[in-house]
Amino acid sequence: MRFEIPFDPEHYRQKSAVLFDVLWEKGRKARIKLGIASVVLGAFGSFAIIGNSDLGYIFVCISAILGIVVWRNYYFQRRSRKEMDTIIDRTLSKQTAEKTIVEFTADFYSAENADEHYKLAWKSFRSYREIRQTLYIFGDTSLSFAISETELGTEDYQKVRFLISSVLPDSSLWKTM
C-alpha cells in the first residue's frame, strides 16, 4: 500500500505532543506516588515530633528529601517539554517537503520526502501502539513513526492497522491511553 500524505504542521505538532505525553506517563505516575509518600511521611513525622519522639525528625527529613526529588522530576519534565517544543519549531522551520510518500508492505516500511528517505524492514521495529486514531510504530532505539486516520482516511487506515498488527506486537508498555 502506497500513500501520498500532505504535510500538515498541526498534525506533526499533535502527534509529537501525544508521543511526549505517553513517554512521560510512567514518570508522572511515579512522581505522584512519591509526592503522596512524602506527605504521609511528613504527617507521621510531625505527629511523632508532637509526641516527643526523636524518630519524627527522621520521618520529616525523609519527607523533605522525597519532596525535593518530586520537585526536581517535575522541573526536568517541564524543561524537557520546552526543549521538545523548540525542536518541533526548528524542524517545522526546516521542513521543505509538501508531501510524504509512505509505503507499507509485508516486508518493509518506507517513508520518503524531500529531506529524508527510510526503507526499513519490520524487524527494525519492536512494537506499535494506537493512540487517539494514530498508529505509532516504535523501533529499538529512538526511531518512531506515526500515521493518523485523518491522513489516510478510515478505510485505508484500517488496512494499514491490520497489516501492522500482523507484523508487529501491540506495545504493552503504554496501555495508559
Foldseek 3Di string as FASTA:
>chain_A
DKDKFFDDLVVVVVVLVVVLCLVCVVVVVVLVVLLVQLVVLLVVLVVCVVVVHPVSVVSNVVSVVSVVVSVVSVVVSVVVVVVSVVVSVVCVVPDDFRIKMWDDDLFWTWIDTPPDIDTGGLLQWAAWEDDPQKIWTHGPPRDIDIDGCVRPPPVVSVVVVVSRVVRHPHDPSRPPD
